[in-house]
Amino acid sequence: MTGFQNRTISLKKSINSFIGSNASVKDLNKTSRIILLARDFDPTIYSMGEWLSNNGVAFRCIQYEPIRIDEKDFISFSIAFDRSKDILNPLA
């Protein structure tokens, strides 16, 4: 067996261990979604999100803001843009 074949087998084992025994590698990437996380977004990102969502790719931008309350640090999250048809993991 060549080094390439060994790496291919190792890669397949890694993917299978990640997706679990109930899923098939051929079922991967049938649907895609993009989630971006940042402190701020350029408005052109929203245009890209509109285009992607019109082409079947769910697109969400989550904005965060670090805040300090009584000497404790926290992070506040809010949805800045969302074109996801199916809400798999709601944020609110």
PDB file of N, CA and C in Angstrom:
ATOM      1  N   MET A   1       0.848  -1.172   0.000  1.00  0.00           N
ATOM      2  CA  MET A   1       0.000   0.000   0.000  1.00  0.00           C
ATOM      3  C   MET A   1       0.899   1.242   0.000  1.00  0.00           C
ATOM      4  N   THR A   2       0.546   2.226  -0.810  1.00  0.00           N
ATOM      5  CA  THR A   2       1.356   3.435  -0.917  1.00  0.00           C
ATOM      6  C   THR A   2       1.017   4.405   0.211  1.00  0.00           C
ATOM      7  N   GLY A   3       1.874   5.401   0.373  1.00  0.00           N
ATOM      8  CA  GLY A   3       1.634   6.439   1.380  1.00  0.00           C
ATOM      9  C   GLY A   3       0.340   7.189   1.110  1.00  0.00           C
ATOM     10  N   PHE A   4       0.040   7.409  -0.186  1.00  0.00           N
ATOM     11  CA  PHE A   4      -1.187   8.106  -0.555  1.00  0.00           C
ATOM     12  C   PHE A   4      -2.409   7.298  -0.123  1.00  0.00           C
ATOM     13  N   GLN A   5      -2.391   5.994  -0.371  1.00  0.00           N
ATOM     14  CA  GLN A   5      -3.508   5.137   0.007  1.00  0.00           C
ATOM     15  C   GLN A   5      -3.679   5.107   1.528  1.00  0.00           C
ATOM     16  N   ASN A   6      -2.571   5.073   2.264  1.00  0.00           N
ATOM     17  CA  ASN A   6      -2.640   5.095   3.730  1.00  0.00           C
ATOM     18  C   ASN A   6      -3.279   6.382   4.225  1.00  0.00           C
ATOM     19  N   ARG A   7      -2.891   7.516   3.613  1.00  0.00           N
ATOM     20  CA  ARG A   7      -3.467   8.801   4.017  1.00  0.00           C
ATOM     21  C   ARG A   7      -4.953   8.863   3.684  1.00  0.00           C
ATOM     22  N   THR A   8      -5.340   8.283   2.534  1.00  0.00           N
ATOM     23  CA  THR A   8      -6.742   8.271   2.136  1.00  0.00           C
ATOM     24  C   THR A   8      -7.578   7.454   3.121  1.00  0.00           C
ATOM     25  N   ILE A   9      -7.091   6.305   3.498  1.00  0.00           N
ATOM     26  CA  ILE A   9      -7.797   5.455   4.459  1.00  0.00           C
ATOM     27  C   ILE A   9      -7.883   6.161   5.810  1.00  0.00           C
ATOM     28  N   SER A  10      -6.796   6.790   6.228  1.00  0.00           N
ATOM     29  CA  SER A  10      -6.780   7.522   7.498  1.00  0.00           C
ATOM     30  C   SER A  10      -7.776   8.685   7.475  1.00  0.00           C
ATOM     31  N   LEU A  11      -7.844   9.382   6.362  1.00  0.00           N
ATOM     32  CA  LEU A  11      -8.781  10.495   6.216  1.00  0.00           C
ATOM     33  C   LEU A  11     -10.226   9.996   6.290  1.00  0.00           C
ATOM     34  N   LYS A  12     -10.518   8.900   5.604  1.00  0.00           N
ATOM     35  CA  LYS A  12     -11.870   8.338   5.640  1.00  0.00           C
ATOM     36  C   LYS A  12     -12.253   7.929   7.059  1.00  0.00           C
ATOM     37  N   LYS A  13     -11.321   7.328   7.785  1.00  0.00           N
ATOM     38  CA  LYS A  13     -11.590   6.938   9.171  1.00  0.00           C
ATOM     39  C   LYS A  13     -11.859   8.166  10.034  1.00  0.00           C
ATOM     40  N   SER A  14     -11.090   9.225   9.821  1.00  0.00           N
ATOM     41  CA  SER A  14     -11.285  10.459  10.589  1.00  0.00           C
ATOM     42  C   SER A  14     -12.655  11.068  10.315  1.00  0.00           C
ATOM     43  N   ILE A  15     -13.049  11.112   9.052  1.00  0.00           N
ATOM     44  CA  ILE A  15     -14.356  11.669   8.688  1.00  0.00           C
ATOM     45  C   ILE A  15     -15.463  10.825   9.287  1.00  0.00           C
ATOM     46  N   ASN A  16     -15.360   9.516   9.155  1.00  0.00           N
ATOM     47  CA  ASN A  16     -16.393   8.630   9.705  1.00  0.00           C
ATOM     48  C   ASN A  16     -16.498   8.748  11.215  1.00  0.00           C
ATOM     49  N   SER A  17     -15.380   8.905  11.898  1.00  0.00           N
ATOM     50  CA  SER A  17     -15.443   9.044  13.354  1.00  0.00           C
ATOM     51  C   SER A  17     -16.073  10.379  13.749  1.00  0.00           C
ATOM     52  N   PHE A  18     -15.924  11.408  12.899  1.00  0.00           N
ATOM     53  CA  PHE A  18     -16.504  12.715  13.182  1.00  0.00           C
ATOM     54  C   PHE A  18     -18.016  12.734  12.942  1.00  0.00           C
ATOM     55  N   ILE A  19     -18.459  12.162  11.804  1.00  0.00           N
ATOM     56  CA  ILE A  19     -19.883  12.228  11.464  1.00  0.00           C
ATOM     57  C   ILE A  19     -20.702  11.138  12.145  1.00  0.00           C
ATOM     58  N   GLY A  20     -20.055  10.132  12.686  1.00  0.00           N
ATOM     59  CA  GLY A  20     -20.774   9.077  13.397  1.00  0.00           C
ATOM     60  C   GLY A  20     -21.212   7.950  12.491  1.00  0.00           C
ATOM     61  N   SER A  21     -21.744   6.924  13.098  1.00  0.00           N
ATOM     62  CA  SER A  21     -22.099   5.723  12.342  1.00  0.00           C
ATOM     63  C   SER A  21     -23.436   5.839  11.623  1.00  0.00           C
ATOM     64  N   ASN A  22     -24.257   6.835  11.971  1.00  0.00           N
ATOM     65  CA  ASN A  22     -25.576   6.970  11.348  1.00  0.00           C
ATOM     66  C   ASN A  22     -25.548   7.769  10.056  1.00  0.00           C
ATOM     67  N   ALA A  23     -24.428   8.361   9.717  1.00  0.00           N
ATOM     68  CA  ALA A  23     -24.347   9.198   8.515  1.00  0.00           C
ATOM     69  C   ALA A  23     -23.392   8.563   7.513  1.00  0.00           C
ATOM     70  N   SER A  24     -23.573   8.952   6.278  1.00  0.00           N
ATOM     71  CA  SER A  24     -22.722   8.458   5.203  1.00  0.00           C
ATOM     72  C   SER A  24     -21.931   9.623   4.619  1.00  0.00           C
ATOM     73  N   VAL A  25     -20.702   9.352   4.223  1.00  0.00           N
ATOM     74  CA  VAL A  25     -19.857  10.393   3.640  1.00  0.00           C
ATOM     75  C   VAL A  25     -20.525  10.976   2.396  1.00  0.00           C
ATOM     76  N   LYS A  26     -21.227  10.152   1.626  1.00  0.00           N
ATOM     77  CA  LYS A  26     -21.876  10.661   0.409  1.00  0.00           C
ATOM     78  C   LYS A  26     -23.037  11.608   0.714  1.00  0.00           C
ATOM     79  N   ASP A  27     -23.519  11.614   1.969  1.00  0.00           N
ATOM     80  CA  ASP A  27     -24.592  12.516   2.361  1.00  0.00           C
ATOM     81  C   ASP A  27     -24.084  13.889   2.813  1.00  0.00           C
ATOM     82  N   LEU A  28     -22.768  14.051   2.931  1.00  0.00           N
ATOM     83  CA  LEU A  28     -22.213  15.330   3.359  1.00  0.00           C
ATOM     84  C   LEU A  28     -22.411  16.398   2.290  1.00  0.00           C
ATOM     85  N   ASN A  29     -22.568  17.627   2.712  1.00  0.00           N
ATOM     86  CA  ASN A  29     -22.678  18.809   1.836  1.00  0.00           C
ATOM     87  C   ASN A  29     -23.875  18.777   0.905  1.00  0.00           C
ATOM     88  N   LYS A  30     -24.937  18.094   1.306  1.00  0.00           N
ATOM     89  CA  LYS A  30     -26.179  18.168   0.521  1.00  0.00           C
ATOM     90  C   LYS A  30     -26.833  19.526   0.745  1.00  0.00           C
ATOM     91  N   THR A  31     -26.687  20.052   1.934  1.00  0.00           N
ATOM     92  CA  THR A  31     -27.139  21.406   2.243  1.00  0.00           C
ATOM     93  C   THR A  31     -26.005  22.109   2.977  1.00  0.00           C
ATOM     94  N   SER A  32     -25.901  23.382   2.747  1.00  0.00           N
ATOM     95  CA  SER A  32     -24.842  24.161   3.384  1.00  0.00           C
ATOM     96  C   SER A  32     -25.438  25.371   4.066  1.00  0.00           C
ATOM     97  N   ARG A  33     -24.730  25.865   5.054  1.00  0.00           N
ATOM     98  CA  ARG A  33     -25.091  27.127   5.685  1.00  0.00           C
ATOM     99  C   ARG A  33     -23.806  27.802   6.138  1.00  0.00           C
ATOM    100  N   ILE A  34     -23.865  29.095   6.180  1.00  0.00           N
ATOM    101  CA  ILE A  34     -22.717  29.890   6.585  1.00  0.00           C
ATOM    102  C   ILE A  34     -23.132  30.715   7.793  1.00  0.00           C
ATOM    103  N   ILE A  35     -22.311  30.657   8.826  1.00  0.00           N
ATOM    104  CA  ILE A  35     -22.530  31.469  10.017  1.00  0.00           C
ATOM    105  C   ILE A  35     -21.255  32.259  10.263  1.00  0.00           C
ATOM    106  N   LEU A  36     -21.369  33.572  10.236  1.00  0.00           N
ATOM    107  CA  LEU A  36     -20.228  34.443  10.498  1.00  0.00           C
ATOM    108  C   LEU A  36     -20.402  35.077  11.873  1.00  0.00           C
ATOM    109  N   LEU A  37     -19.307  35.184  12.606  1.00  0.00           N
ATOM    110  CA  LEU A  37     -19.313  35.788  13.936  1.00  0.00           C
ATOM    111  C   LEU A  37     -18.255  36.883  13.960  1.00  0.00           C
ATOM    112  N   ALA A  38     -18.672  38.107  14.288  1.00  0.00           N
ATOM    113  CA  ALA A  38     -17.734  39.229  14.317  1.00  0.00           C
ATOM    114  C   ALA A  38     -18.301  40.346  15.184  1.00  0.00           C
ATOM    115  N   ARG A  39     -17.440  41.294  15.538  1.00  0.00           N
ATOM    116  CA  ARG A  39     -17.903  42.461  16.301  1.00  0.00           C
ATOM    117  C   ARG A  39     -18.708  43.406  15.435  1.00  0.00           C
ATOM    118  N   ASP A  40     -18.398  43.448  14.145  1.00  0.00           N
ATOM    119  CA  ASP A  40     -19.085  44.351  13.233  1.00  0.00           C
ATOM    120  C   ASP A  40     -19.002  43.773  11.826  1.00  0.00           C
ATOM    121  N   PHE A  41     -19.943  44.137  10.970  1.00  0.00           N
ATOM    122  CA  PHE A  41     -19.968  43.640   9.604  1.00  0.00           C
ATOM    123  C   PHE A  41     -20.065  44.796   8.624  1.00  0.00           C
ATOM    124  N   ASP A  42     -19.360  44.665   7.533  1.00  0.00           N
ATOM    125  CA  ASP A  42     -19.468  45.604   6.430  1.00  0.00           C
ATOM    126  C   ASP A  42     -20.786  45.301   5.708  1.00  0.00           C
ATOM    127  N   PRO A  43     -21.530  46.316   5.310  1.00  0.00           N
ATOM    128  CA  PRO A  43     -22.816  46.082   4.631  1.00  0.00           C
ATOM    129  C   PRO A  43     -22.718  45.209   3.374  1.00  0.00           C
ATOM    130  N   THR A  44     -21.560  45.159   2.740  1.00  0.00           N
ATOM    131  CA  THR A  44     -21.434  44.312   1.549  1.00  0.00           C
ATOM    132  C   THR A  44     -21.586  42.829   1.898  1.00  0.00           C
ATOM    133  N   ILE A  45     -21.307  42.472   3.137  1.00  0.00           N
ATOM    134  CA  ILE A  45     -21.510  41.086   3.577  1.00  0.00           C
ATOM    135  C   ILE A  45     -22.987  40.726   3.481  1.00  0.00           C
ATOM    136  N   TYR A  46     -23.873  41.661   3.810  1.00  0.00           N
ATOM    137  CA  TYR A  46     -25.308  41.400   3.739  1.00  0.00           C
ATOM    138  C   TYR A  46     -25.754  41.181   2.295  1.00  0.00           C
ATOM    139  N   SER A  47     -25.159  41.917   1.363  1.00  0.00           N
ATOM    140  CA  SER A  47     -25.471  41.708  -0.061  1.00  0.00           C
ATOM    141  C   SER A  47     -25.061  40.310  -0.490  1.00  0.00           C
ATOM    142  N   MET A  48     -23.897  39.881  -0.036  1.00  0.00           N
ATOM    143  CA  MET A  48     -23.436  38.536  -0.349  1.00  0.00           C
ATOM    144  C   MET A  48     -24.388  37.508   0.277  1.00  0.00           C
ATOM    145  N   GLY A  49     -24.844  37.776   1.500  1.00  0.00           N
ATOM    146  CA  GLY A  49     -25.779  36.880   2.167  1.00  0.00           C
ATOM    147  C   GLY A  49     -27.099  36.769   1.424  1.00  0.00           C
ATOM    148  N   GLU A  50     -27.584  37.877   0.886  1.00  0.00           N
ATOM    149  CA  GLU A  50     -28.811  37.851   0.084  1.00  0.00           C
ATOM    150  C   GLU A  50     -28.622  36.978  -1.150  1.00  0.00           C
ATOM    151  N   TRP A  51     -27.497  37.174  -1.839  1.00  0.00           N
ATOM    152  CA  TRP A  51     -27.233  36.404  -3.049  1.00  0.00           C
ATOM    153  C   TRP A  51     -27.126  34.913  -2.722  1.00  0.00           C
ATOM    154  N   LEU A  52     -26.385  34.584  -1.658  1.00  0.00           N
ATOM    155  CA  LEU A  52     -26.238  33.177  -1.285  1.00  0.00           C
ATOM    156  C   LEU A  52     -27.578  32.564  -0.895  1.00  0.00           C
ATOM    157  N   SER A  53     -28.369  33.287  -0.128  1.00  0.00           N
ATOM    158  CA  SER A  53     -29.665  32.735   0.288  1.00  0.00           C
ATOM    159  C   SER A  53     -30.593  32.542  -0.907  1.00  0.00           C
ATOM    160  N   ASN A  54     -30.516  33.425  -1.889  1.00  0.00           N
ATOM    161  CA  ASN A  54     -31.302  33.258  -3.111  1.00  0.00           C
ATOM    162  C   ASN A  54     -30.844  32.057  -3.926  1.00  0.00           C
ATOM    163  N   ASN A  55     -29.642  31.571  -3.628  1.00  0.00           N
ATOM    164  CA  ASN A  55     -29.095  30.400  -4.319  1.00  0.00           C
ATOM    165  C   ASN A  55     -29.052  29.173  -3.412  1.00  0.00           C
ATOM    166  N   GLY A  56     -29.865  29.183  -2.359  1.00  0.00           N
ATOM    167  CA  GLY A  56     -30.048  27.991  -1.549  1.00  0.00           C
ATOM    168  C   GLY A  56     -29.103  27.789  -0.386  1.00  0.00           C
ATOM    169  N   VAL A  57     -28.278  28.790  -0.059  1.00  0.00           N
ATOM    170  CA  VAL A  57     -27.347  28.655   1.059  1.00  0.00           C
ATOM    171  C   VAL A  57     -27.819  29.537   2.213  1.00  0.00           C
ATOM    172  N   ALA A  58     -28.117  28.903   3.343  1.00  0.00           N
ATOM    173  CA  ALA A  58     -28.529  29.666   4.519  1.00  0.00           C
ATOM    174  C   ALA A  58     -27.349  30.525   4.990  1.00  0.00           C
ATOM    175  N   PHE A  59     -27.635  31.742   5.405  1.00  0.00           N
ATOM    176  CA  PHE A  59     -26.574  32.696   5.745  1.00  0.00           C
ATOM    177  C   PHE A  59     -26.984  33.484   6.980  1.00  0.00           C
ATOM    178  N   ARG A  60     -26.107  33.521   7.971  1.00  0.00           N
ATOM    179  CA  ARG A  60     -26.399  34.240   9.219  1.00  0.00           C
ATOM    180  C   ARG A  60     -25.149  34.981   9.690  1.00  0.00           C
ATOM    181  N   CYS A  61     -25.340  36.210  10.135  1.00  0.00           N
ATOM    182  CA  CYS A  61     -24.263  36.998  10.745  1.00  0.00           C
ATOM    183  C   CYS A  61     -24.629  37.233  12.207  1.00  0.00           C
ATOM    184  N   ILE A  62     -23.757  36.820  13.098  1.00  0.00           N
ATOM    185  CA  ILE A  62     -23.962  37.025  14.521  1.00  0.00           C
ATOM    186  C   ILE A  62     -22.929  38.028  14.999  1.00  0.00           C
ATOM    187  N   GLN A  63     -23.408  39.098  15.588  1.00  0.00           N
ATOM    188  CA  GLN A  63     -22.542  40.165  16.075  1.00  0.00           C
ATOM    189  C   GLN A  63     -22.378  40.014  17.586  1.00  0.00           C
ATOM    190  N   TYR A  64     -21.168  40.263  18.061  1.00  0.00           N
ATOM    191  CA  TYR A  64     -20.943  40.193  19.506  1.00  0.00           C
ATOM    192  C   TYR A  64     -20.348  41.490  20.015  1.00  0.00           C
ATOM    193  N   GLU A  65     -20.583  41.734  21.283  1.00  0.00           N
ATOM    194  CA  GLU A  65     -20.032  42.920  21.918  1.00  0.00           C
ATOM    195  C   GLU A  65     -19.567  42.546  23.322  1.00  0.00           C
ATOM    196  N   PRO A  66     -18.286  42.753  23.613  1.00  0.00           N
ATOM    197  CA  PRO A  66     -17.825  42.495  24.982  1.00  0.00           C
ATOM    198  C   PRO A  66     -18.352  43.587  25.914  1.00  0.00           C
ATOM    199  N   ILE A  67     -18.824  43.183  27.071  1.00  0.00           N
ATOM    200  CA  ILE A  67     -19.320  44.154  28.048  1.00  0.00           C
ATOM    201  C   ILE A  67     -18.768  43.803  29.424  1.00  0.00           C
ATOM    202  N   ARG A  68     -18.681  44.808  30.270  1.00  0.00           N
ATOM    203  CA  ARG A  68     -18.193  44.619  31.628  1.00  0.00           C
ATOM    204  C   ARG A  68     -19.263  45.102  32.598  1.00  0.00           C
ATOM    205  N   ILE A  69     -19.607  44.218  33.535  1.00  0.00           N
ATOM    206  CA  ILE A  69     -20.598  44.551  34.558  1.00  0.00           C
ATOM    207  C   ILE A  69     -20.008  44.164  35.908  1.00  0.00           C
ATOM    208  N   ASP A  70     -19.886  45.142  36.781  1.00  0.00           N
ATOM    209  CA  ASP A  70     -19.352  44.897  38.129  1.00  0.00           C
ATOM    210  C   ASP A  70     -18.022  44.131  38.100  1.00  0.00           C
ATOM    211  N   GLU A  71     -17.105  44.618  37.287  1.00  0.00           N
ATOM    212  CA  GLU A  71     -15.764  44.029  37.187  1.00  0.00           C
ATOM    213  C   GLU A  71     -15.751  42.612  36.592  1.00  0.00           C
ATOM    214  N   LYS A  72     -16.850  42.191  35.996  1.00  0.00           N
ATOM    215  CA  LYS A  72     -16.915  40.887  35.336  1.00  0.00           C
ATOM    216  C   LYS A  72     -17.101  41.106  33.845  1.00  0.00           C
ATOM    217  N   ASP A  73     -16.412  40.299  33.049  1.00  0.00           N
ATOM    218  CA  ASP A  73     -16.494  40.416  31.595  1.00  0.00           C
ATOM    219  C   ASP A  73     -17.520  39.429  31.034  1.00  0.00           C
ATOM    220  N   PHE A  74     -18.337  39.929  30.093  1.00  0.00           N
ATOM    221  CA  PHE A  74     -19.353  39.130  29.422  1.00  0.00           C
ATOM    222  C   PHE A  74     -19.305  39.421  27.935  1.00  0.00           C
ATOM    223  N   ILE A  75     -19.988  38.587  27.175  1.00  0.00           N
ATOM    224  CA  ILE A  75     -20.127  38.826  25.740  1.00  0.00           C
ATOM    225  C   ILE A  75     -21.616  38.792  25.421  1.00  0.00           C
ATOM    226  N   SER A  76     -22.084  39.827  24.755  1.00  0.00           N
ATOM    227  CA  SER A  76     -23.469  39.916  24.322  1.00  0.00           C
ATOM    228  C   SER A  76     -23.530  39.568  22.827  1.00  0.00           C
ATOM    229  N   PHE A  77     -24.456  38.689  22.447  1.00  0.00           N
ATOM    230  CA  PHE A  77     -24.611  38.272  21.058  1.00  0.00           C
ATOM    231  C   PHE A  77     -25.942  38.765  20.517  1.00  0.00           C
ATOM    232  N   SER A  78     -25.961  39.128  19.246  1.00  0.00           N
ATOM    233  CA  SER A  78     -27.209  39.480  18.575  1.00  0.00           C
ATOM    234  C   SER A  78     -27.097  39.085  17.102  1.00  0.00           C
ATOM    235  N   ILE A  79     -28.232  38.788  16.517  1.00  0.00           N
ATOM    236  CA  ILE A  79     -28.245  38.424  15.102  1.00  0.00           C
ATOM    237  C   ILE A  79     -28.325  39.710  14.292  1.00  0.00           C
ATOM    238  N   ALA A  80     -27.306  39.947  13.482  1.00  0.00           N
ATOM    239  CA  ALA A  80     -27.251  41.157  12.666  1.00  0.00           C
ATOM    240  C   ALA A  80     -27.907  40.938  11.301  1.00  0.00           C
ATOM    241  N   PHE A  81     -27.910  39.686  10.838  1.00  0.00           N
ATOM    242  CA  PHE A  81     -28.454  39.367   9.511  1.00  0.00           C
ATOM    243  C   PHE A  81     -28.773  37.885   9.511  1.00  0.00           C
ATOM    244  N   ASP A  82     -29.939  37.524   9.004  1.00  0.00           N
ATOM    245  CA  ASP A  82     -30.291  36.103   8.994  1.00  0.00           C
ATOM    246  C   ASP A  82     -31.155  35.784   7.786  1.00  0.00           C
ATOM    247  N   ARG A  83     -30.653  34.912   6.945  1.00  0.00           N
ATOM    248  CA  ARG A  83     -31.413  34.396   5.805  1.00  0.00           C
ATOM    249  C   ARG A  83     -31.354  32.872   5.850  1.00  0.00           C
ATOM    250  N   SER A  84     -31.744  32.332   7.008  1.00  0.00           N
ATOM    251  CA  SER A  84     -31.789  30.885   7.200  1.00  0.00           C
ATOM    252  C   SER A  84     -33.241  30.452   7.160  1.00  0.00           C
ATOM    253  N   LYS A  85     -33.556  29.539   6.275  1.00  0.00           N
ATOM    254  CA  LYS A  85     -34.934  29.066   6.174  1.00  0.00           C
ATOM    255  C   LYS A  85     -35.296  28.193   7.368  1.00  0.00           C
ATOM    256  N   ASP A  86     -34.414  27.286   7.732  1.00  0.00           N
ATOM    257  CA  ASP A  86     -34.657  26.389   8.854  1.00  0.00           C
ATOM    258  C   ASP A  86     -33.846  26.858  10.045  1.00  0.00           C
ATOM    259  N   ILE A  87     -34.519  27.109  11.130  1.00  0.00           N
ATOM    260  CA  ILE A  87     -33.817  27.528  12.342  1.00  0.00           C
ATOM    261  C   ILE A  87     -33.438  26.266  13.108  1.00  0.00           C
ATOM    262  N   LEU A  88     -32.168  25.867  12.985  1.00  0.00           N
ATOM    263  CA  LEU A  88     -31.693  24.676  13.661  1.00  0.00           C
ATOM    264  C   LEU A  88     -31.236  24.986  15.078  1.00  0.00           C
ATOM    265  N   ASN A  89     -30.592  26.116  15.237  1.00  0.00           N
ATOM    266  CA  ASN A  89     -30.077  26.523  16.538  1.00  0.00           C
ATOM    267  C   ASN A  89     -30.466  27.971  16.778  1.00  0.00           C
ATOM    268  N   PRO A  90     -31.681  28.214  17.273  1.00  0.00           N
ATOM    269  CA  PRO A  90     -32.099  29.597  17.468  1.00  0.00           C
ATOM    270  C   PRO A  90     -31.244  30.328  18.491  1.00  0.00           C
ATOM    271  N   LEU A  91     -31.055  31.609  18.239  1.00  0.00           N
ATOM    272  CA  LEU A  91     -30.286  32.448  19.150  1.00  0.00           C
ATOM    273  C   LEU A  91     -31.225  33.526  19.664  1.00  0.00           C
ATOM    274  N   ALA A  92     -31.834  33.279  20.788  1.00  0.00           N
ATOM    275  CA  ALA A  92     -32.710  34.262  21.443  1.00  0.00           C
ATOM    276  C   ALA A  92     -33.507  33.579  22.513  1.00  0.00           C
TER     277      ALA A  92
END
